Amino acid sequence: MQINYRYLQMNESIKKELGDIMSKNIDFPKNCLVTIIKVKTLKDCKEAKIYISVLPDKFKGKILTLLNKRTSYFKHLICKRLSLKHSPLIKFLIEDEEKNLFE
């Protein structure tokens, strides 16, 4: 299996920039920790799935709704920061650690 370093680099760049944007521009509830676990960009670069972890669990739904409502804002800033012609469509998902143990 051939590794495409372009996609790995893009995933890491999006993860870094999105983490910075979220920490500076999103007001998360008090005592809530949101972490970007991984980013998976599709081969055509049209979509990026952002896997997050939310602690405590009671905030998962609220945080997922908050972030998915602001995807166009994130897309705009990532496109600007990374100097991309076309930024991928962003979709936030909760990282299911138990499920991913078997992938």
PDB file of N, CA and C in Angstrom:
ATOM      1  N   MET A   1       0.841  -1.184   0.000  1.00  0.00           N
ATOM      2  CA  MET A   1       0.000   0.000   0.000  1.00  0.00           C
ATOM      3  C   MET A   1       0.883   1.242   0.000  1.00  0.00           C
ATOM      4  N   GLN A   2       0.647   2.114  -0.941  1.00  0.00           N
ATOM      5  CA  GLN A   2       1.445   3.322  -1.081  1.00  0.00           C
ATOM      6  C   GLN A   2       0.883   4.433  -0.202  1.00  0.00           C
ATOM      7  N   ILE A   3       1.754   5.104   0.527  1.00  0.00           N
ATOM      8  CA  ILE A   3       1.341   6.205   1.389  1.00  0.00           C
ATOM      9  C   ILE A   3       1.459   7.505   0.605  1.00  0.00           C
ATOM     10  N   ASN A   4       0.399   8.277   0.603  1.00  0.00           N
ATOM     11  CA  ASN A   4       0.410   9.562  -0.077  1.00  0.00           C
ATOM     12  C   ASN A   4       0.685  10.642   0.973  1.00  0.00           C
ATOM     13  N   TYR A   5       1.904  11.156   0.976  1.00  0.00           N
ATOM     14  CA  TYR A   5       2.320  12.114   1.996  1.00  0.00           C
ATOM     15  C   TYR A   5       1.615  13.456   1.869  1.00  0.00           C
ATOM     16  N   ARG A   6       1.118  13.766   0.694  1.00  0.00           N
ATOM     17  CA  ARG A   6       0.376  15.020   0.500  1.00  0.00           C
ATOM     18  C   ARG A   6      -0.867  15.043   1.394  1.00  0.00           C
ATOM     19  N   TYR A   7      -1.602  13.932   1.435  1.00  0.00           N
ATOM     20  CA  TYR A   7      -2.809  13.862   2.256  1.00  0.00           C
ATOM     21  C   TYR A   7      -2.476  13.849   3.741  1.00  0.00           C
ATOM     22  N   LEU A   8      -1.409  13.154   4.107  1.00  0.00           N
ATOM     23  CA  LEU A   8      -0.986  13.153   5.509  1.00  0.00           C
ATOM     24  C   LEU A   8      -0.615  14.554   5.964  1.00  0.00           C
ATOM     25  N   GLN A   9       0.105  15.266   5.105  1.00  0.00           N
ATOM     26  CA  GLN A   9       0.510  16.633   5.430  1.00  0.00           C
ATOM     27  C   GLN A   9      -0.711  17.554   5.510  1.00  0.00           C
ATOM     28  N   MET A  10      -1.655  17.403   4.587  1.00  0.00           N
ATOM     29  CA  MET A  10      -2.851  18.224   4.612  1.00  0.00           C
ATOM     30  C   MET A  10      -3.669  17.939   5.873  1.00  0.00           C
ATOM     31  N   ASN A  11      -3.797  16.670   6.235  1.00  0.00           N
ATOM     32  CA  ASN A  11      -4.534  16.313   7.442  1.00  0.00           C
ATOM     33  C   ASN A  11      -3.911  16.947   8.680  1.00  0.00           C
ATOM     34  N   GLU A  12      -2.608  16.881   8.797  1.00  0.00           N
ATOM     35  CA  GLU A  12      -1.919  17.474   9.947  1.00  0.00           C
ATOM     36  C   GLU A  12      -2.044  18.991   9.955  1.00  0.00           C
ATOM     37  N   SER A  13      -1.967  19.621   8.787  1.00  0.00           N
ATOM     38  CA  SER A  13      -2.106  21.079   8.702  1.00  0.00           C
ATOM     39  C   SER A  13      -3.510  21.523   9.114  1.00  0.00           C
ATOM     40  N   ILE A  14      -4.521  20.812   8.633  1.00  0.00           N
ATOM     41  CA  ILE A  14      -5.903  21.136   8.994  1.00  0.00           C
ATOM     42  C   ILE A  14      -6.106  20.930  10.487  1.00  0.00           C
ATOM     43  N   LYS A  15      -5.579  19.837  11.029  1.00  0.00           N
ATOM     44  CA  LYS A  15      -5.709  19.548  12.462  1.00  0.00           C
ATOM     45  C   LYS A  15      -5.091  20.667  13.303  1.00  0.00           C
ATOM     46  N   LYS A  16      -3.905  21.095  12.935  1.00  0.00           N
ATOM     47  CA  LYS A  16      -3.211  22.143  13.678  1.00  0.00           C
ATOM     48  C   LYS A  16      -3.965  23.469  13.602  1.00  0.00           C
ATOM     49  N   GLU A  17      -4.334  23.879  12.409  1.00  0.00           N
ATOM     50  CA  GLU A  17      -5.011  25.166  12.234  1.00  0.00           C
ATOM     51  C   GLU A  17      -6.396  25.167  12.873  1.00  0.00           C
ATOM     52  N   LEU A  18      -7.122  24.094  12.714  1.00  0.00           N
ATOM     53  CA  LEU A  18      -8.460  24.004  13.283  1.00  0.00           C
ATOM     54  C   LEU A  18      -8.402  24.016  14.813  1.00  0.00           C
ATOM     55  N   GLY A  19      -7.416  23.337  15.377  1.00  0.00           N
ATOM     56  CA  GLY A  19      -7.230  23.370  16.824  1.00  0.00           C
ATOM     57  C   GLY A  19      -6.961  24.780  17.319  1.00  0.00           C
ATOM     58  N   ASP A  20      -6.145  25.516  16.588  1.00  0.00           N
ATOM     59  CA  ASP A  20      -5.839  26.899  16.945  1.00  0.00           C
ATOM     60  C   ASP A  20      -7.084  27.784  16.828  1.00  0.00           C
ATOM     61  N   ILE A  21      -7.827  27.628  15.756  1.00  0.00           N
ATOM     62  CA  ILE A  21      -9.050  28.407  15.541  1.00  0.00           C
ATOM     63  C   ILE A  21     -10.067  28.120  16.650  1.00  0.00           C
ATOM     64  N   MET A  22     -10.246  26.847  16.966  1.00  0.00           N
ATOM     65  CA  MET A  22     -11.226  26.477  17.987  1.00  0.00           C
ATOM     66  C   MET A  22     -10.833  27.012  19.362  1.00  0.00           C
ATOM     67  N   SER A  23      -9.564  26.930  19.703  1.00  0.00           N
ATOM     68  CA  SER A  23      -9.147  27.378  21.034  1.00  0.00           C
ATOM     69  C   SER A  23      -9.269  28.886  21.203  1.00  0.00           C
ATOM     70  N   LYS A  24      -9.138  29.630  20.122  1.00  0.00           N
ATOM     71  CA  LYS A  24      -9.193  31.091  20.212  1.00  0.00           C
ATOM     72  C   LYS A  24     -10.570  31.681  19.946  1.00  0.00           C
ATOM     73  N   ASN A  25     -11.411  30.978  19.195  1.00  0.00           N
ATOM     74  CA  ASN A  25     -12.651  31.585  18.729  1.00  0.00           C
ATOM     75  C   ASN A  25     -13.949  30.915  19.177  1.00  0.00           C
ATOM     76  N   ILE A  26     -13.857  29.804  19.871  1.00  0.00           N
ATOM     77  CA  ILE A  26     -15.064  29.103  20.301  1.00  0.00           C
ATOM     78  C   ILE A  26     -15.105  29.102  21.825  1.00  0.00           C
ATOM     79  N   ASP A  27     -16.236  29.506  22.368  1.00  0.00           N
ATOM     80  CA  ASP A  27     -16.429  29.478  23.813  1.00  0.00           C
ATOM     81  C   ASP A  27     -17.102  28.159  24.190  1.00  0.00           C
ATOM     82  N   PHE A  28     -16.293  27.217  24.640  1.00  0.00           N
ATOM     83  CA  PHE A  28     -16.815  25.938  25.080  1.00  0.00           C
ATOM     84  C   PHE A  28     -17.337  26.077  26.498  1.00  0.00           C
ATOM     85  N   PRO A  29     -18.274  25.209  26.898  1.00  0.00           N
ATOM     86  CA  PRO A  29     -18.789  25.257  28.269  1.00  0.00           C
ATOM     87  C   PRO A  29     -17.658  25.087  29.293  1.00  0.00           C
ATOM     88  N   LYS A  30     -17.867  25.656  30.450  1.00  0.00           N
ATOM     89  CA  LYS A  30     -16.898  25.549  31.527  1.00  0.00           C
ATOM     90  C   LYS A  30     -16.715  24.073  31.901  1.00  0.00           C
ATOM     91  N   ASN A  31     -15.491  23.688  32.207  1.00  0.00           N
ATOM     92  CA  ASN A  31     -15.134  22.318  32.596  1.00  0.00           C
ATOM     93  C   ASN A  31     -15.363  21.305  31.478  1.00  0.00           C
ATOM     94  N   CYS A  32     -15.204  21.744  30.241  1.00  0.00           N
ATOM     95  CA  CYS A  32     -15.361  20.866  29.081  1.00  0.00           C
ATOM     96  C   CYS A  32     -14.051  20.865  28.295  1.00  0.00           C
ATOM     97  N   LEU A  33     -13.590  19.688  27.922  1.00  0.00           N
ATOM     98  CA  LEU A  33     -12.363  19.548  27.154  1.00  0.00           C
ATOM     99  C   LEU A  33     -12.693  18.960  25.786  1.00  0.00           C
ATOM    100  N   VAL A  34     -12.308  19.672  24.730  1.00  0.00           N
ATOM    101  CA  VAL A  34     -12.533  19.214  23.358  1.00  0.00           C
ATOM    102  C   VAL A  34     -11.171  19.044  22.702  1.00  0.00           C
ATOM    103  N   THR A  35     -10.924  17.861  22.155  1.00  0.00           N
ATOM    104  CA  THR A  35      -9.642  17.560  21.529  1.00  0.00           C
ATOM    105  C   THR A  35      -9.873  17.010  20.136  1.00  0.00           C
ATOM    106  N   ILE A  36      -9.090  17.491  19.175  1.00  0.00           N
ATOM    107  CA  ILE A  36      -9.134  16.924  17.826  1.00  0.00           C
ATOM    108  C   ILE A  36      -8.231  15.697  17.832  1.00  0.00           C
ATOM    109  N   ILE A  37      -8.818  14.538  17.583  1.00  0.00           N
ATOM    110  CA  ILE A  37      -8.078  13.289  17.611  1.00  0.00           C
ATOM    111  C   ILE A  37      -7.371  13.042  16.278  1.00  0.00           C
ATOM    112  N   LYS A  38      -8.129  13.166  15.198  1.00  0.00           N
ATOM    113  CA  LYS A  38      -7.531  12.960  13.870  1.00  0.00           C
ATOM    114  C   LYS A  38      -8.375  13.641  12.811  1.00  0.00           C
ATOM    115  N   VAL A  39      -7.759  13.827  11.659  1.00  0.00           N
ATOM    116  CA  VAL A  39      -8.425  14.399  10.494  1.00  0.00           C
ATOM    117  C   VAL A  39      -8.215  13.428   9.341  1.00  0.00           C
ATOM    118  N   LYS A  40      -9.294  13.121   8.639  1.00  0.00           N
ATOM    119  CA  LYS A  40      -9.209  12.278   7.442  1.00  0.00           C
ATOM    120  C   LYS A  40      -9.770  13.053   6.262  1.00  0.00           C
ATOM    121  N   THR A  41      -8.910  13.377   5.330  1.00  0.00           N
ATOM    122  CA  THR A  41      -9.325  14.067   4.114  1.00  0.00           C
ATOM    123  C   THR A  41      -9.541  13.020   3.033  1.00  0.00           C
ATOM    124  N   LEU A  42     -10.652  13.132   2.317  1.00  0.00           N
ATOM    125  CA  LEU A  42     -10.904  12.205   1.216  1.00  0.00           C
ATOM    126  C   LEU A  42      -9.899  12.449   0.095  1.00  0.00           C
ATOM    127  N   LYS A  43      -9.693  11.448  -0.715  1.00  0.00           N
ATOM    128  CA  LYS A  43      -8.681  11.512  -1.782  1.00  0.00           C
ATOM    129  C   LYS A  43      -8.868  12.692  -2.734  1.00  0.00           C
ATOM    130  N   ASP A  44     -10.110  13.099  -2.961  1.00  0.00           N
ATOM    131  CA  ASP A  44     -10.346  14.220  -3.874  1.00  0.00           C
ATOM    132  C   ASP A  44     -10.271  15.579  -3.164  1.00  0.00           C
ATOM    133  N   CYS A  45      -9.972  15.569  -1.871  1.00  0.00           N
ATOM    134  CA  CYS A  45      -9.830  16.791  -1.051  1.00  0.00           C
ATOM    135  C   CYS A  45     -11.108  17.619  -0.963  1.00  0.00           C
ATOM    136  N   LYS A  46     -12.252  17.005  -1.219  1.00  0.00           N
ATOM    137  CA  LYS A  46     -13.503  17.754  -1.149  1.00  0.00           C
ATOM    138  C   LYS A  46     -14.166  17.669   0.210  1.00  0.00           C
ATOM    139  N   GLU A  47     -13.736  16.727   1.035  1.00  0.00           N
ATOM    140  CA  GLU A  47     -14.335  16.572   2.353  1.00  0.00           C
ATOM    141  C   GLU A  47     -13.265  16.173   3.365  1.00  0.00           C
ATOM    142  N   ALA A  48     -13.382  16.752   4.561  1.00  0.00           N
ATOM    143  CA  ALA A  48     -12.493  16.387   5.664  1.00  0.00           C
ATOM    144  C   ALA A  48     -13.350  16.007   6.859  1.00  0.00           C
ATOM    145  N   LYS A  49     -13.104  14.820   7.378  1.00  0.00           N
ATOM    146  CA  LYS A  49     -13.804  14.370   8.575  1.00  0.00           C
ATOM    147  C   LYS A  49     -12.901  14.653   9.770  1.00  0.00           C
ATOM    148  N   ILE A  50     -13.435  15.415  10.716  1.00  0.00           N
ATOM    149  CA  ILE A  50     -12.688  15.812  11.896  1.00  0.00           C
ATOM    150  C   ILE A  50     -13.206  14.995  13.071  1.00  0.00           C
ATOM    151  N   TYR A  51     -12.377  14.118  13.610  1.00  0.00           N
ATOM    152  CA  TYR A  51     -12.759  13.275  14.734  1.00  0.00           C
ATOM    153  C   TYR A  51     -12.336  13.964  16.029  1.00  0.00           C
ATOM    154  N   ILE A  52     -13.314  14.169  16.926  1.00  0.00           N
ATOM    155  CA  ILE A  52     -13.041  14.871  18.172  1.00  0.00           C
ATOM    156  C   ILE A  52     -13.376  13.993  19.373  1.00  0.00           C
ATOM    157  N   SER A  53     -12.771  14.361  20.488  1.00  0.00           N
ATOM    158  CA  SER A  53     -13.080  13.743  21.770  1.00  0.00           C
ATOM    159  C   SER A  53     -13.611  14.845  22.672  1.00  0.00           C
ATOM    160  N   VAL A  54     -14.665  14.555  23.416  1.00  0.00           N
ATOM    161  CA  VAL A  54     -15.278  15.536  24.315  1.00  0.00           C
ATOM    162  C   VAL A  54     -15.374  14.927  25.709  1.00  0.00           C
ATOM    163  N   LEU A  55     -14.861  15.648  26.679  1.00  0.00           N
ATOM    164  CA  LEU A  55     -14.962  15.246  28.083  1.00  0.00           C
ATOM    165  C   LEU A  55     -15.560  16.374  28.890  1.00  0.00           C
ATOM    166  N   PRO A  56     -16.457  16.115  29.778  1.00  0.00           N
ATOM    167  CA  PRO A  56     -17.132  14.856  30.049  1.00  0.00           C
ATOM    168  C   PRO A  56     -18.143  14.525  28.946  1.00  0.00           C
ATOM    169  N   ASP A  57     -18.570  13.278  28.945  1.00  0.00           N
ATOM    170  CA  ASP A  57     -19.472  12.769  27.903  1.00  0.00           C
ATOM    171  C   ASP A  57     -20.780  13.545  27.778  1.00  0.00           C
ATOM    172  N   LYS A  58     -21.239  14.156  28.858  1.00  0.00           N
ATOM    173  CA  LYS A  58     -22.536  14.838  28.824  1.00  0.00           C
ATOM    174  C   LYS A  58     -22.553  16.019  27.853  1.00  0.00           C
ATOM    175  N   PHE A  59     -21.377  16.504  27.427  1.00  0.00           N
ATOM    176  CA  PHE A  59     -21.295  17.634  26.507  1.00  0.00           C
ATOM    177  C   PHE A  59     -21.179  17.226  25.039  1.00  0.00           C
ATOM    178  N   LYS A  60     -21.088  15.934  24.749  1.00  0.00           N
ATOM    179  CA  LYS A  60     -20.833  15.487  23.376  1.00  0.00           C
ATOM    180  C   LYS A  60     -21.836  16.043  22.367  1.00  0.00           C
ATOM    181  N   GLY A  61     -23.119  15.892  22.630  1.00  0.00           N
ATOM    182  CA  GLY A  61     -24.147  16.356  21.697  1.00  0.00           C
ATOM    183  C   GLY A  61     -24.105  17.855  21.501  1.00  0.00           C
ATOM    184  N   LYS A  62     -23.972  18.587  22.582  1.00  0.00           N
ATOM    185  CA  LYS A  62     -23.941  20.046  22.522  1.00  0.00           C
ATOM    186  C   LYS A  62     -22.734  20.547  21.723  1.00  0.00           C
ATOM    187  N   ILE A  63     -21.567  19.970  21.966  1.00  0.00           N
ATOM    188  CA  ILE A  63     -20.345  20.386  21.277  1.00  0.00           C
ATOM    189  C   ILE A  63     -20.409  20.022  19.804  1.00  0.00           C
ATOM    190  N   LEU A  64     -20.880  18.824  19.498  1.00  0.00           N
ATOM    191  CA  LEU A  64     -20.983  18.396  18.103  1.00  0.00           C
ATOM    192  C   LEU A  64     -21.917  19.316  17.324  1.00  0.00           C
ATOM    193  N   THR A  65     -23.043  19.678  17.909  1.00  0.00           N
ATOM    194  CA  THR A  65     -23.984  20.609  17.273  1.00  0.00           C
ATOM    195  C   THR A  65     -23.347  21.976  17.080  1.00  0.00           C
ATOM    196  N   LEU A  66     -22.672  22.476  18.102  1.00  0.00           N
ATOM    197  CA  LEU A  66     -22.009  23.783  18.040  1.00  0.00           C
ATOM    198  C   LEU A  66     -20.981  23.830  16.917  1.00  0.00           C
ATOM    199  N   LEU A  67     -20.134  22.819  16.835  1.00  0.00           N
ATOM    200  CA  LEU A  67     -19.079  22.807  15.818  1.00  0.00           C
ATOM    201  C   LEU A  67     -19.635  22.617  14.415  1.00  0.00           C
ATOM    202  N   ASN A  68     -20.610  21.728  14.249  1.00  0.00           N
ATOM    203  CA  ASN A  68     -21.165  21.498  12.913  1.00  0.00           C
ATOM    204  C   ASN A  68     -21.959  22.697  12.394  1.00  0.00           C
ATOM    205  N   LYS A  69     -22.479  23.538  13.290  1.00  0.00           N
ATOM    206  CA  LYS A  69     -23.158  24.762  12.854  1.00  0.00           C
ATOM    207  C   LYS A  69     -22.173  25.802  12.325  1.00  0.00           C
ATOM    208  N   ARG A  70     -20.910  25.691  12.719  1.00  0.00           N
ATOM    209  CA  ARG A  70     -19.913  26.693  12.347  1.00  0.00           C
ATOM    210  C   ARG A  70     -18.932  26.190  11.284  1.00  0.00           C
ATOM    211  N   THR A  71     -19.298  25.139  10.570  1.00  0.00           N
ATOM    212  CA  THR A  71     -18.364  24.565   9.595  1.00  0.00           C
ATOM    213  C   THR A  71     -17.986  25.537   8.483  1.00  0.00           C
ATOM    214  N   SER A  72     -18.917  26.377   8.028  1.00  0.00           N
ATOM    215  CA  SER A  72     -18.572  27.326   6.963  1.00  0.00           C
ATOM    216  C   SER A  72     -17.551  28.349   7.460  1.00  0.00           C
ATOM    217  N   TYR A  73     -17.663  28.738   8.719  1.00  0.00           N
ATOM    218  CA  TYR A  73     -16.695  29.651   9.339  1.00  0.00           C
ATOM    219  C   TYR A  73     -15.318  28.990   9.393  1.00  0.00           C
ATOM    220  N   PHE A  74     -15.268  27.736   9.844  1.00  0.00           N
ATOM    221  CA  PHE A  74     -13.995  27.013   9.908  1.00  0.00           C
ATOM    222  C   PHE A  74     -13.401  26.831   8.511  1.00  0.00           C
ATOM    223  N   LYS A  75     -14.244  26.487   7.563  1.00  0.00           N
ATOM    224  CA  LYS A  75     -13.791  26.270   6.184  1.00  0.00           C
ATOM    225  C   LYS A  75     -13.155  27.537   5.627  1.00  0.00           C
ATOM    226  N   HIS A  76     -13.789  28.673   5.851  1.00  0.00           N
ATOM    227  CA  HIS A  76     -13.264  29.949   5.376  1.00  0.00           C
ATOM    228  C   HIS A  76     -11.886  30.246   5.983  1.00  0.00           C
ATOM    229  N   LEU A  77     -11.763  30.087   7.291  1.00  0.00           N
ATOM    230  CA  LEU A  77     -10.493  30.396   7.962  1.00  0.00           C
ATOM    231  C   LEU A  77      -9.378  29.427   7.574  1.00  0.00           C
ATOM    232  N   ILE A  78      -9.712  28.148   7.423  1.00  0.00           N
ATOM    233  CA  ILE A  78      -8.690  27.176   7.015  1.00  0.00           C
ATOM    234  C   ILE A  78      -8.202  27.477   5.603  1.00  0.00           C
ATOM    235  N   CYS A  79      -9.114  27.800   4.714  1.00  0.00           N
ATOM    236  CA  CYS A  79      -8.757  28.143   3.341  1.00  0.00           C
ATOM    237  C   CYS A  79      -7.818  29.348   3.324  1.00  0.00           C
ATOM    238  N   LYS A  80      -8.124  30.331   4.142  1.00  0.00           N
ATOM    239  CA  LYS A  80      -7.314  31.544   4.221  1.00  0.00           C
ATOM    240  C   LYS A  80      -5.939  31.262   4.842  1.00  0.00           C
ATOM    241  N   ARG A  81      -5.905  30.536   5.937  1.00  0.00           N
ATOM    242  CA  ARG A  81      -4.652  30.268   6.651  1.00  0.00           C
ATOM    243  C   ARG A  81      -3.712  29.344   5.889  1.00  0.00           C
ATOM    244  N   LEU A  82      -4.267  28.380   5.169  1.00  0.00           N
ATOM    245  CA  LEU A  82      -3.436  27.418   4.454  1.00  0.00           C
ATOM    246  C   LEU A  82      -3.245  27.774   2.983  1.00  0.00           C
ATOM    247  N   SER A  83      -3.777  28.905   2.572  1.00  0.00           N
ATOM    248  CA  SER A  83      -3.668  29.378   1.188  1.00  0.00           C
ATOM    249  C   SER A  83      -4.139  28.324   0.189  1.00  0.00           C
ATOM    250  N   LEU A  84      -5.313  27.789   0.444  1.00  0.00           N
ATOM    251  CA  LEU A  84      -5.894  26.790  -0.442  1.00  0.00           C
ATOM    252  C   LEU A  84      -6.862  27.441  -1.417  1.00  0.00           C
ATOM    253  N   LYS A  85      -6.892  26.947  -2.641  1.00  0.00           N
ATOM    254  CA  LYS A  85      -7.894  27.418  -3.595  1.00  0.00           C
ATOM    255  C   LYS A  85      -9.273  26.982  -3.155  1.00  0.00           C
ATOM    256  N   HIS A  86      -9.376  25.707  -2.794  1.00  0.00           N
ATOM    257  CA  HIS A  86     -10.646  25.137  -2.365  1.00  0.00           C
ATOM    258  C   HIS A  86     -10.426  24.402  -1.056  1.00  0.00           C
ATOM    259  N   SER A  87     -11.148  24.811  -0.070  1.00  0.00           N
ATOM    260  CA  SER A  87     -11.063  24.154   1.224  1.00  0.00           C
ATOM    261  C   SER A  87     -12.077  23.017   1.266  1.00  0.00           C
ATOM    262  N   PRO A  88     -11.723  21.905   1.900  1.00  0.00           N
ATOM    263  CA  PRO A  88     -12.663  20.779   1.946  1.00  0.00           C
ATOM    264  C   PRO A  88     -13.876  21.073   2.826  1.00  0.00           C
ATOM    265  N   LEU A  89     -14.974  20.433   2.507  1.00  0.00           N
ATOM    266  CA  LEU A  89     -16.168  20.480   3.345  1.00  0.00           C
ATOM    267  C   LEU A  89     -15.817  19.795   4.652  1.00  0.00           C
ATOM    268  N   ILE A  90     -16.149  20.429   5.763  1.00  0.00           N
ATOM    269  CA  ILE A  90     -15.763  19.914   7.073  1.00  0.00           C
ATOM    270  C   ILE A  90     -16.953  19.265   7.749  1.00  0.00           C
ATOM    271  N   LYS A  91     -16.698  18.096   8.323  1.00  0.00           N
ATOM    272  CA  LYS A  91     -17.731  17.388   9.077  1.00  0.00           C
ATOM    273  C   LYS A  91     -17.099  16.900  10.377  1.00  0.00           C
ATOM    274  N   PHE A  92     -17.702  17.272  11.498  1.00  0.00           N
ATOM    275  CA  PHE A  92     -17.209  16.845  12.804  1.00  0.00           C
ATOM    276  C   PHE A  92     -17.904  15.562  13.229  1.00  0.00           C
ATOM    277  N   LEU A  93     -17.120  14.651  13.789  1.00  0.00           N
ATOM    278  CA  LEU A  93     -17.626  13.373  14.283  1.00  0.00           C
ATOM    279  C   LEU A  93     -17.004  13.096  15.645  1.00  0.00           C
ATOM    280  N   ILE A  94     -17.741  12.405  16.493  1.00  0.00           N
ATOM    281  CA  ILE A  94     -17.199  11.997  17.782  1.00  0.00           C
ATOM    282  C   ILE A  94     -16.345  10.751  17.567  1.00  0.00           C
ATOM    283  N   GLU A  95     -15.138  10.778  18.073  1.00  0.00           N
ATOM    284  CA  GLU A  95     -14.240   9.634  17.978  1.00  0.00           C
ATOM    285  C   GLU A  95     -14.756   8.533  18.901  1.00  0.00           C
ATOM    286  N   ASP A  96     -15.048   7.406  18.329  1.00  0.00           N
ATOM    287  CA  ASP A  96     -15.510   6.252  19.095  1.00  0.00           C
ATOM    288  C   ASP A  96     -14.312   5.325  19.283  1.00  0.00           C
ATOM    289  N   GLU A  97     -13.630   5.486  20.408  1.00  0.00           N
ATOM    290  CA  GLU A  97     -12.381   4.766  20.638  1.00  0.00           C
ATOM    291  C   GLU A  97     -12.565   3.255  20.641  1.00  0.00           C
ATOM    292  N   GLU A  98     -13.641   2.766  21.218  1.00  0.00           N
ATOM    293  CA  GLU A  98     -13.868   1.320  21.261  1.00  0.00           C
ATOM    294  C   GLU A  98     -14.066   0.747  19.868  1.00  0.00           C
ATOM    295  N   LYS A  99     -14.808   1.448  19.041  1.00  0.00           N
ATOM    296  CA  LYS A  99     -15.055   0.990  17.670  1.00  0.00           C
ATOM    297  C   LYS A  99     -13.764   0.984  16.871  1.00  0.00           C
ATOM    298  N   ASN A 100     -12.933   2.025  17.047  1.00  0.00           N
ATOM    299  CA  ASN A 100     -11.722   2.171  16.261  1.00  0.00           C
ATOM    300  C   ASN A 100     -10.596   1.241  16.687  1.00  0.00           C
ATOM    301  N   LEU A 101     -10.744   0.525  17.788  1.00  0.00           N
ATOM    302  CA  LEU A 101      -9.731  -0.442  18.188  1.00  0.00           C
ATOM    303  C   LEU A 101      -9.613  -1.581  17.175  1.00  0.00           C
ATOM    304  N   PHE A 102     -10.705  -1.831  16.468  1.00  0.00           N
ATOM    305  CA  PHE A 102     -10.735  -2.957  15.544  1.00  0.00           C
ATOM    306  C   PHE A 102     -10.546  -2.541  14.082  1.00  0.00           C
ATOM    307  N   GLU A 103     -10.280  -1.271  13.829  1.00  0.00           N
ATOM    308  CA  GLU A 103     -10.083  -0.815  12.437  1.00  0.00           C
ATOM    309  C   GLU A 103      -8.633  -0.927  12.042  1.00  0.00           C
TER     310      GLU A 103
END
